[in-house]
Amino acid sequence: MVQVGDIAPDFSLKATWAERRSSVAVDDVPSKDHQIVTLSEYRGKKNVVLLFYPLDWSPVCSAEHKKCTLMFPRVSTEKIQVLGISVDSIWSHNAFAQNYGIPYPLLSDFQPRGAVAERYGVYLSELGIASRTAFVIDRAGVVRDVTHANVPDEREIEAILHSADLV
């Protein structure tokens, strides 16, 4: 597994559009269904909280994203970028983000399934999902904190965001 002090492996994945997470009517949403997010684009600009989670719509994942969404405006968003990542499709992410008003991108590690989670050492191949692991990555691309919880357990989202704000 990627450890504190390692350079975070770079990747590019499809992610939800910010416009889809707004309160605009569906008819007003642009026709594009996703954007591409590349981790290295944040180097030199922002700390990144990479939240691997098992699945959209599961009770614990939903609760974590609700908490993160509520806390997100209170953290220094000029300094921190939260990226949620799971093996769900971009279509599931779009619906999940819109349903919960998630203001940060959700990245689809769908095809090939779990490839990025595998690179980070958090893919649970026997279940076909990522483990519940968060990586705090500084502006230089160095992993500064790793928080892991068992699949049925919530992480302390506030502590993770606070850690990212201190880096």
N, C-alpha and C. Protein backbone atom coordinates (compact mmCIF):
# COMPACT_ATOMS: atom_id res chain seq x y z
N MET A 1 0.84 -1.18 0.00
CA MET A 1 0.00 0.00 0.00
C MET A 1 0.89 1.25 0.00
N VAL A 2 0.42 2.30 -0.66
CA VAL A 2 1.12 3.58 -0.65
C VAL A 2 1.18 4.06 0.79
N GLN A 3 2.36 4.53 1.21
CA GLN A 3 2.61 4.92 2.60
C GLN A 3 2.93 6.40 2.71
N VAL A 4 2.88 6.92 3.93
CA VAL A 4 3.30 8.29 4.21
C VAL A 4 4.74 8.46 3.74
N GLY A 5 4.99 9.54 3.02
CA GLY A 5 6.32 9.82 2.49
C GLY A 5 6.50 9.41 1.04
N ASP A 6 5.62 8.53 0.53
CA ASP A 6 5.68 8.12 -0.88
C ASP A 6 5.14 9.24 -1.78
N ILE A 7 5.59 9.24 -3.02
CA ILE A 7 4.98 10.10 -4.04
C ILE A 7 3.69 9.41 -4.47
N ALA A 8 2.59 10.15 -4.46
CA ALA A 8 1.30 9.57 -4.83
C ALA A 8 1.31 9.19 -6.30
N PRO A 9 0.93 7.96 -6.63
CA PRO A 9 0.87 7.56 -8.04
C PRO A 9 -0.11 8.45 -8.82
N ASP A 10 0.31 8.91 -9.98
CA ASP A 10 -0.53 9.77 -10.80
C ASP A 10 -1.57 8.91 -11.53
N PHE A 11 -2.67 9.53 -11.91
CA PHE A 11 -3.72 8.86 -12.66
C PHE A 11 -4.60 9.92 -13.32
N SER A 12 -5.36 9.50 -14.29
CA SER A 12 -6.41 10.30 -14.92
C SER A 12 -7.67 9.44 -14.96
N LEU A 13 -8.77 9.99 -14.45
CA LEU A 13 -10.04 9.25 -14.42
C LEU A 13 -11.20 10.17 -14.78
N LYS A 14 -12.27 9.56 -15.29
CA LYS A 14 -13.51 10.30 -15.51
C LYS A 14 -14.06 10.72 -14.16
N ALA A 15 -14.62 11.94 -14.13
CA ALA A 15 -15.16 12.47 -12.89
C ALA A 15 -16.47 13.21 -13.17
N THR A 16 -17.26 13.37 -12.13
CA THR A 16 -18.53 14.08 -12.26
C THR A 16 -18.30 15.54 -12.61
N TRP A 17 -19.21 16.11 -13.35
CA TRP A 17 -19.19 17.54 -13.70
C TRP A 17 -19.72 18.35 -12.55
N ALA A 18 -19.10 19.48 -12.27
CA ALA A 18 -19.57 20.39 -11.21
C ALA A 18 -21.00 20.85 -11.49
N GLU A 19 -21.34 21.10 -12.76
CA GLU A 19 -22.68 21.58 -13.09
C GLU A 19 -23.75 20.57 -12.71
N ARG A 20 -23.43 19.28 -12.75
CA ARG A 20 -24.41 18.26 -12.40
C ARG A 20 -24.69 18.27 -10.90
N ARG A 21 -23.78 18.82 -10.11
CA ARG A 21 -23.97 18.85 -8.67
C ARG A 21 -24.69 20.12 -8.22
N SER A 22 -24.94 21.05 -9.15
CA SER A 22 -25.62 22.28 -8.77
C SER A 22 -27.12 22.06 -8.73
N SER A 23 -27.85 23.10 -8.37
CA SER A 23 -29.29 22.97 -8.24
C SER A 23 -30.03 23.33 -9.53
N VAL A 24 -29.34 23.40 -10.66
CA VAL A 24 -30.01 23.75 -11.91
C VAL A 24 -30.90 22.60 -12.37
N ALA A 25 -31.91 22.96 -13.13
CA ALA A 25 -32.81 21.95 -13.67
C ALA A 25 -32.04 21.05 -14.63
N VAL A 26 -32.49 19.81 -14.78
CA VAL A 26 -31.81 18.85 -15.64
C VAL A 26 -31.69 19.38 -17.06
N ASP A 27 -32.70 20.11 -17.56
CA ASP A 27 -32.65 20.64 -18.92
C ASP A 27 -31.53 21.67 -19.10
N ASP A 28 -31.09 22.29 -18.01
CA ASP A 28 -30.05 23.31 -18.08
C ASP A 28 -28.64 22.74 -17.94
N VAL A 29 -28.53 21.44 -17.68
CA VAL A 29 -27.23 20.80 -17.48
C VAL A 29 -26.55 20.60 -18.83
N PRO A 30 -25.26 20.94 -18.94
CA PRO A 30 -24.56 20.71 -20.21
C PRO A 30 -24.65 19.24 -20.63
N SER A 31 -24.49 19.00 -21.91
CA SER A 31 -24.66 17.64 -22.43
C SER A 31 -23.52 16.71 -22.04
N LYS A 32 -22.35 17.25 -21.68
CA LYS A 32 -21.25 16.39 -21.26
C LYS A 32 -21.59 15.73 -19.94
N ASP A 33 -21.21 14.48 -19.80
CA ASP A 33 -21.53 13.74 -18.59
C ASP A 33 -20.35 13.59 -17.65
N HIS A 34 -19.16 14.00 -18.09
CA HIS A 34 -18.00 13.85 -17.21
C HIS A 34 -16.88 14.76 -17.67
N GLN A 35 -15.92 14.90 -16.79
CA GLN A 35 -14.67 15.55 -17.10
C GLN A 35 -13.56 14.56 -16.77
N ILE A 36 -12.36 14.85 -17.17
CA ILE A 36 -11.22 14.01 -16.81
C ILE A 36 -10.42 14.75 -15.73
N VAL A 37 -10.15 14.08 -14.63
CA VAL A 37 -9.34 14.63 -13.55
C VAL A 37 -8.03 13.87 -13.52
N THR A 38 -6.93 14.63 -13.52
CA THR A 38 -5.59 14.05 -13.41
C THR A 38 -4.99 14.55 -12.10
N LEU A 39 -4.54 13.64 -11.26
CA LEU A 39 -4.03 14.01 -9.94
C LEU A 39 -2.91 15.04 -10.03
N SER A 40 -1.97 14.85 -10.95
CA SER A 40 -0.80 15.74 -11.02
C SER A 40 -1.17 17.18 -11.38
N GLU A 41 -2.37 17.43 -11.88
CA GLU A 41 -2.80 18.80 -12.17
C GLU A 41 -2.89 19.66 -10.91
N TYR A 42 -2.96 19.02 -9.75
CA TYR A 42 -3.05 19.76 -8.49
C TYR A 42 -1.68 20.06 -7.89
N ARG A 43 -0.62 19.46 -8.45
CA ARG A 43 0.72 19.69 -7.90
C ARG A 43 1.09 21.17 -7.98
N GLY A 44 1.61 21.65 -6.87
CA GLY A 44 1.99 23.05 -6.77
C GLY A 44 0.82 23.99 -6.53
N LYS A 45 -0.40 23.45 -6.52
CA LYS A 45 -1.59 24.29 -6.38
C LYS A 45 -2.38 24.03 -5.11
N LYS A 46 -2.69 22.75 -4.85
CA LYS A 46 -3.55 22.39 -3.72
C LYS A 46 -3.11 21.08 -3.09
N ASN A 47 -3.43 20.93 -1.82
CA ASN A 47 -3.35 19.62 -1.18
C ASN A 47 -4.57 18.83 -1.66
N VAL A 48 -4.44 17.53 -1.75
CA VAL A 48 -5.54 16.69 -2.21
C VAL A 48 -5.90 15.68 -1.13
N VAL A 49 -7.20 15.54 -0.89
CA VAL A 49 -7.71 14.46 -0.05
C VAL A 49 -8.33 13.47 -1.01
N LEU A 50 -7.69 12.32 -1.15
CA LEU A 50 -8.17 11.27 -2.03
C LEU A 50 -8.94 10.27 -1.18
N LEU A 51 -10.27 10.28 -1.30
CA LEU A 51 -11.14 9.42 -0.49
C LEU A 51 -11.56 8.20 -1.29
N PHE A 52 -10.85 7.09 -1.12
CA PHE A 52 -11.31 5.83 -1.71
C PHE A 52 -12.47 5.34 -0.85
N TYR A 53 -13.52 4.88 -1.52
CA TYR A 53 -14.66 4.33 -0.79
C TYR A 53 -15.24 3.17 -1.59
N PRO A 54 -15.93 2.23 -0.91
CA PRO A 54 -16.40 1.02 -1.60
C PRO A 54 -17.42 1.26 -2.71
N LEU A 55 -18.56 1.87 -2.40
CA LEU A 55 -19.64 1.97 -3.39
C LEU A 55 -20.54 3.17 -3.13
N ASP A 56 -20.99 3.80 -4.22
CA ASP A 56 -22.06 4.79 -4.11
C ASP A 56 -23.28 4.10 -3.50
N TRP A 57 -24.10 4.85 -2.83
CA TRP A 57 -25.40 4.44 -2.32
C TRP A 57 -25.35 3.51 -1.10
N SER A 58 -24.20 3.00 -0.72
CA SER A 58 -24.16 2.16 0.48
C SER A 58 -24.33 3.07 1.71
N PRO A 59 -24.86 2.55 2.80
CA PRO A 59 -25.16 3.41 3.96
C PRO A 59 -23.95 4.15 4.53
N VAL A 60 -22.84 3.48 4.72
CA VAL A 60 -21.67 4.12 5.32
C VAL A 60 -21.06 5.14 4.35
N CYS A 61 -20.95 4.79 3.08
CA CYS A 61 -20.39 5.72 2.09
C CYS A 61 -21.27 6.96 1.98
N SER A 62 -22.57 6.76 1.97
CA SER A 62 -23.50 7.89 1.90
C SER A 62 -23.32 8.80 3.11
N ALA A 63 -23.20 8.22 4.30
CA ALA A 63 -23.03 9.01 5.52
C ALA A 63 -21.72 9.79 5.48
N GLU A 64 -20.64 9.16 5.03
CA GLU A 64 -19.35 9.86 4.94
C GLU A 64 -19.42 11.04 3.98
N HIS A 65 -20.03 10.82 2.81
CA HIS A 65 -20.12 11.92 1.84
C HIS A 65 -21.02 13.04 2.34
N LYS A 66 -22.07 12.71 3.07
CA LYS A 66 -22.91 13.76 3.67
C LYS A 66 -22.08 14.61 4.62
N LYS A 67 -21.29 13.97 5.47
CA LYS A 67 -20.45 14.70 6.42
C LYS A 67 -19.42 15.55 5.70
N CYS A 68 -18.78 14.99 4.70
CA CYS A 68 -17.76 15.72 3.95
C CYS A 68 -18.39 16.93 3.25
N THR A 69 -19.57 16.74 2.67
CA THR A 69 -20.27 17.83 1.98
C THR A 69 -20.63 18.94 2.96
N LEU A 70 -21.07 18.59 4.16
CA LEU A 70 -21.41 19.60 5.16
C LEU A 70 -20.18 20.35 5.65
N MET A 71 -19.05 19.67 5.77
CA MET A 71 -17.82 20.29 6.26
C MET A 71 -17.05 21.02 5.18
N PHE A 72 -17.27 20.66 3.94
CA PHE A 72 -16.48 21.18 2.84
C PHE A 72 -16.39 22.71 2.81
N PRO A 73 -17.50 23.43 2.98
CA PRO A 73 -17.39 24.89 2.95
C PRO A 73 -16.58 25.48 4.10
N ARG A 74 -16.42 24.73 5.20
CA ARG A 74 -15.68 25.25 6.36
C ARG A 74 -14.18 25.05 6.24
N VAL A 75 -13.73 24.24 5.30
CA VAL A 75 -12.30 24.06 5.12
C VAL A 75 -11.82 25.00 4.04
N SER A 76 -10.53 25.21 4.01
CA SER A 76 -9.94 26.15 3.05
C SER A 76 -9.95 25.52 1.66
N THR A 77 -11.02 25.74 0.91
CA THR A 77 -11.14 25.11 -0.40
C THR A 77 -10.14 25.67 -1.41
N GLU A 78 -9.54 26.82 -1.11
CA GLU A 78 -8.47 27.32 -1.97
C GLU A 78 -7.20 26.49 -1.77
N LYS A 79 -7.12 25.81 -0.64
CA LYS A 79 -5.93 25.04 -0.29
C LYS A 79 -6.11 23.54 -0.48
N ILE A 80 -7.36 23.06 -0.43
CA ILE A 80 -7.64 21.62 -0.43
C ILE A 80 -8.59 21.25 -1.56
N GLN A 81 -8.29 20.13 -2.23
CA GLN A 81 -9.22 19.56 -3.20
C GLN A 81 -9.57 18.15 -2.73
N VAL A 82 -10.85 17.91 -2.49
CA VAL A 82 -11.33 16.58 -2.15
C VAL A 82 -11.69 15.86 -3.45
N LEU A 83 -11.26 14.62 -3.57
CA LEU A 83 -11.60 13.76 -4.70
C LEU A 83 -12.10 12.43 -4.15
N GLY A 84 -13.36 12.11 -4.38
CA GLY A 84 -13.90 10.80 -4.01
C GLY A 84 -13.61 9.83 -5.14
N ILE A 85 -13.30 8.58 -4.82
CA ILE A 85 -12.98 7.61 -5.88
C ILE A 85 -13.49 6.22 -5.48
N SER A 86 -14.26 5.62 -6.39
CA SER A 86 -14.72 4.25 -6.19
C SER A 86 -14.82 3.56 -7.54
N VAL A 87 -15.18 2.28 -7.51
CA VAL A 87 -15.27 1.49 -8.74
C VAL A 87 -16.60 1.68 -9.46
N ASP A 88 -17.47 2.52 -8.95
CA ASP A 88 -18.76 2.75 -9.60
C ASP A 88 -18.58 3.46 -10.94
N SER A 89 -19.59 3.32 -11.81
CA SER A 89 -19.56 3.98 -13.11
C SER A 89 -19.78 5.49 -12.95
N ILE A 90 -19.41 6.23 -13.98
CA ILE A 90 -19.61 7.68 -13.96
C ILE A 90 -21.11 8.01 -13.86
N TRP A 91 -21.95 7.16 -14.41
CA TRP A 91 -23.40 7.41 -14.37
C TRP A 91 -23.92 7.29 -12.94
N SER A 92 -23.44 6.30 -12.21
CA SER A 92 -23.81 6.16 -10.81
C SER A 92 -23.29 7.35 -10.01
N HIS A 93 -22.04 7.74 -10.26
CA HIS A 93 -21.46 8.91 -9.57
C HIS A 93 -22.28 10.17 -9.82
N ASN A 94 -22.68 10.40 -11.07
CA ASN A 94 -23.45 11.60 -11.38
C ASN A 94 -24.75 11.63 -10.58
N ALA A 95 -25.47 10.53 -10.53
CA ALA A 95 -26.73 10.47 -9.79
C ALA A 95 -26.48 10.61 -8.29
N PHE A 96 -25.46 9.94 -7.78
CA PHE A 96 -25.11 10.00 -6.35
C PHE A 96 -24.73 11.42 -5.95
N ALA A 97 -23.88 12.07 -6.76
CA ALA A 97 -23.44 13.44 -6.46
C ALA A 97 -24.61 14.41 -6.48
N GLN A 98 -25.46 14.26 -7.46
CA GLN A 98 -26.62 15.15 -7.55
C GLN A 98 -27.58 14.91 -6.38
N ASN A 99 -27.83 13.67 -6.03
CA ASN A 99 -28.74 13.33 -4.94
C ASN A 99 -28.27 13.90 -3.60
N TYR A 100 -26.97 13.84 -3.35
CA TYR A 100 -26.42 14.29 -2.07
C TYR A 100 -25.82 15.69 -2.12
N GLY A 101 -25.87 16.35 -3.26
CA GLY A 101 -25.31 17.71 -3.38
C GLY A 101 -23.81 17.74 -3.15
N ILE A 102 -23.11 16.74 -3.62
CA ILE A 102 -21.67 16.64 -3.38
C ILE A 102 -20.93 17.67 -4.24
N PRO A 103 -20.19 18.59 -3.61
CA PRO A 103 -19.55 19.70 -4.33
C PRO A 103 -18.16 19.40 -4.88
N TYR A 104 -17.65 18.21 -4.68
CA TYR A 104 -16.32 17.85 -5.15
C TYR A 104 -16.45 16.69 -6.14
N PRO A 105 -15.46 16.51 -7.02
CA PRO A 105 -15.57 15.45 -8.03
C PRO A 105 -15.54 14.05 -7.43
N LEU A 106 -16.34 13.18 -8.03
CA LEU A 106 -16.30 11.75 -7.74
C LEU A 106 -15.69 11.09 -8.97
N LEU A 107 -14.62 10.34 -8.76
CA LEU A 107 -13.88 9.73 -9.86
C LEU A 107 -14.24 8.26 -10.02
N SER A 108 -14.36 7.85 -11.27
CA SER A 108 -14.79 6.50 -11.59
C SER A 108 -13.60 5.61 -11.93
N ASP A 109 -13.28 4.70 -11.00
CA ASP A 109 -12.21 3.72 -11.19
C ASP A 109 -12.84 2.44 -11.74
N PHE A 110 -13.60 2.60 -12.82
CA PHE A 110 -14.51 1.58 -13.32
C PHE A 110 -13.90 0.67 -14.39
N GLN A 111 -13.11 1.25 -15.29
CA GLN A 111 -12.63 0.46 -16.42
C GLN A 111 -11.18 0.80 -16.72
N PRO A 112 -10.24 -0.05 -16.47
CA PRO A 112 -10.44 -1.37 -15.86
C PRO A 112 -10.74 -1.24 -14.36
N ARG A 113 -11.64 -2.06 -13.92
CA ARG A 113 -12.18 -1.97 -12.56
C ARG A 113 -11.08 -2.02 -11.51
N GLY A 114 -11.04 -0.94 -10.69
CA GLY A 114 -10.12 -0.89 -9.56
C GLY A 114 -8.66 -0.69 -9.90
N ALA A 115 -8.33 -0.26 -11.13
CA ALA A 115 -6.92 -0.13 -11.53
C ALA A 115 -6.17 0.89 -10.68
N VAL A 116 -6.80 2.03 -10.38
CA VAL A 116 -6.13 3.05 -9.56
C VAL A 116 -6.06 2.58 -8.11
N ALA A 117 -7.15 2.01 -7.61
CA ALA A 117 -7.14 1.47 -6.24
C ALA A 117 -6.04 0.42 -6.10
N GLU A 118 -5.84 -0.38 -7.13
CA GLU A 118 -4.77 -1.39 -7.12
C GLU A 118 -3.40 -0.73 -7.01
N ARG A 119 -3.19 0.36 -7.76
CA ARG A 119 -1.90 1.06 -7.71
C ARG A 119 -1.62 1.64 -6.32
N TYR A 120 -2.69 2.01 -5.61
CA TYR A 120 -2.54 2.56 -4.26
C TYR A 120 -2.52 1.46 -3.20
N GLY A 121 -2.78 0.21 -3.62
CA GLY A 121 -2.76 -0.91 -2.68
C GLY A 121 -4.00 -1.04 -1.84
N VAL A 122 -5.13 -0.49 -2.33
CA VAL A 122 -6.36 -0.52 -1.54
C VAL A 122 -7.51 -1.25 -2.24
N TYR A 123 -7.20 -1.97 -3.33
CA TYR A 123 -8.25 -2.71 -4.03
C TYR A 123 -8.46 -4.06 -3.37
N LEU A 124 -9.70 -4.35 -3.05
CA LEU A 124 -10.06 -5.63 -2.43
C LEU A 124 -10.60 -6.53 -3.54
N SER A 125 -9.71 -7.27 -4.19
CA SER A 125 -10.08 -8.04 -5.38
C SER A 125 -11.16 -9.08 -5.10
N GLU A 126 -11.15 -9.65 -3.90
CA GLU A 126 -12.16 -10.66 -3.58
C GLU A 126 -13.57 -10.07 -3.49
N LEU A 127 -13.67 -8.75 -3.25
CA LEU A 127 -14.97 -8.08 -3.18
C LEU A 127 -15.24 -7.21 -4.41
N GLY A 128 -14.19 -6.91 -5.18
CA GLY A 128 -14.34 -6.07 -6.36
C GLY A 128 -14.55 -4.60 -6.05
N ILE A 129 -14.05 -4.13 -4.89
CA ILE A 129 -14.22 -2.74 -4.45
C ILE A 129 -12.92 -2.23 -3.84
N ALA A 130 -12.86 -0.92 -3.65
CA ALA A 130 -11.73 -0.31 -2.94
C ALA A 130 -12.02 -0.34 -1.44
N SER A 131 -10.97 -0.41 -0.65
CA SER A 131 -11.15 -0.31 0.80
C SER A 131 -11.44 1.14 1.15
N ARG A 132 -11.91 1.35 2.36
CA ARG A 132 -12.24 2.69 2.84
C ARG A 132 -10.95 3.33 3.36
N THR A 133 -10.22 3.97 2.45
CA THR A 133 -8.91 4.55 2.77
C THR A 133 -8.82 5.96 2.22
N ALA A 134 -8.25 6.87 3.01
CA ALA A 134 -8.05 8.26 2.58
C ALA A 134 -6.56 8.56 2.57
N PHE A 135 -6.13 9.26 1.53
CA PHE A 135 -4.75 9.72 1.41
C PHE A 135 -4.75 11.24 1.37
N VAL A 136 -3.96 11.85 2.25
CA VAL A 136 -3.76 13.30 2.19
C VAL A 136 -2.44 13.50 1.46
N ILE A 137 -2.52 14.23 0.34
CA ILE A 137 -1.38 14.43 -0.55
C ILE A 137 -1.06 15.92 -0.58
N ASP A 138 0.20 16.28 -0.33
CA ASP A 138 0.55 17.70 -0.30
C ASP A 138 0.76 18.25 -1.71
N ARG A 139 1.04 19.54 -1.79
CA ARG A 139 1.20 20.21 -3.10
C ARG A 139 2.35 19.64 -3.92
N ALA A 140 3.30 19.02 -3.27
CA ALA A 140 4.44 18.43 -3.97
C ALA A 140 4.13 17.01 -4.46
N GLY A 141 2.96 16.49 -4.12
CA GLY A 141 2.59 15.13 -4.53
C GLY A 141 3.01 14.05 -3.56
N VAL A 142 3.42 14.46 -2.35
CA VAL A 142 3.88 13.51 -1.33
C VAL A 142 2.72 13.16 -0.40
N VAL A 143 2.55 11.88 -0.12
CA VAL A 143 1.51 11.42 0.80
C VAL A 143 1.92 11.81 2.21
N ARG A 144 1.06 12.58 2.89
CA ARG A 144 1.36 13.07 4.24
C ARG A 144 0.56 12.37 5.32
N ASP A 145 -0.54 11.72 4.94
CA ASP A 145 -1.36 11.02 5.93
C ASP A 145 -2.15 9.94 5.21
N VAL A 146 -2.35 8.81 5.89
CA VAL A 146 -3.17 7.72 5.37
C VAL A 146 -4.12 7.32 6.49
N THR A 147 -5.41 7.29 6.19
CA THR A 147 -6.43 6.89 7.16
C THR A 147 -7.21 5.73 6.58
N HIS A 148 -7.26 4.64 7.32
CA HIS A 148 -7.96 3.43 6.85
C HIS A 148 -9.03 3.04 7.86
N ALA A 149 -10.15 2.59 7.33
CA ALA A 149 -11.21 2.03 8.19
C ALA A 149 -11.71 0.76 7.52
N ASN A 150 -12.19 -0.16 8.30
CA ASN A 150 -12.80 -1.36 7.74
C ASN A 150 -14.01 -0.96 6.91
N VAL A 151 -14.35 -1.77 5.93
CA VAL A 151 -15.44 -1.45 5.01
C VAL A 151 -16.73 -1.03 5.73
N PRO A 152 -17.16 -1.71 6.79
CA PRO A 152 -18.42 -1.29 7.41
C PRO A 152 -18.30 -0.10 8.37
N ASP A 153 -17.09 0.43 8.57
CA ASP A 153 -16.88 1.50 9.55
C ASP A 153 -16.62 2.85 8.87
N GLU A 154 -17.14 3.92 9.49
CA GLU A 154 -16.89 5.26 8.99
C GLU A 154 -15.52 5.76 9.40
N ARG A 155 -14.93 6.57 8.53
CA ARG A 155 -13.71 7.29 8.89
C ARG A 155 -14.11 8.59 9.56
N GLU A 156 -13.18 9.21 10.26
CA GLU A 156 -13.43 10.51 10.87
C GLU A 156 -13.11 11.58 9.83
N ILE A 157 -14.12 11.94 9.04
CA ILE A 157 -13.94 12.87 7.93
C ILE A 157 -13.38 14.21 8.40
N GLU A 158 -13.87 14.72 9.51
CA GLU A 158 -13.40 16.01 10.01
C GLU A 158 -11.89 15.97 10.29
N ALA A 159 -11.40 14.90 10.88
CA ALA A 159 -9.97 14.76 11.17
C ALA A 159 -9.15 14.70 9.87
N ILE A 160 -9.69 14.02 8.86
CA ILE A 160 -8.98 13.92 7.57
C ILE A 160 -8.88 15.30 6.93
N LEU A 161 -9.98 16.04 6.89
CA LEU A 161 -9.97 17.39 6.30
C LEU A 161 -9.06 18.32 7.08
N HIS A 162 -9.08 18.19 8.41
CA HIS A 162 -8.21 19.01 9.24
C HIS A 162 -6.74 18.70 8.95
N SER A 163 -6.42 17.43 8.80
CA SER A 163 -5.05 17.01 8.46
C SER A 163 -4.60 17.64 7.15
N ALA A 164 -5.48 17.67 6.16
CA ALA A 164 -5.14 18.25 4.85
C ALA A 164 -4.94 19.75 4.94
N ASP A 165 -5.66 20.39 5.84
CA ASP A 165 -5.55 21.84 6.01
C ASP A 165 -4.24 22.23 6.68
N LEU A 166 -3.64 21.30 7.43
CA LEU A 166 -2.40 21.58 8.14
C LEU A 166 -1.15 21.32 7.31
N VAL A 167 -1.29 20.58 6.22
CA VAL A 167 -0.12 20.20 5.40
C VAL A 167 0.42 21.42 4.70
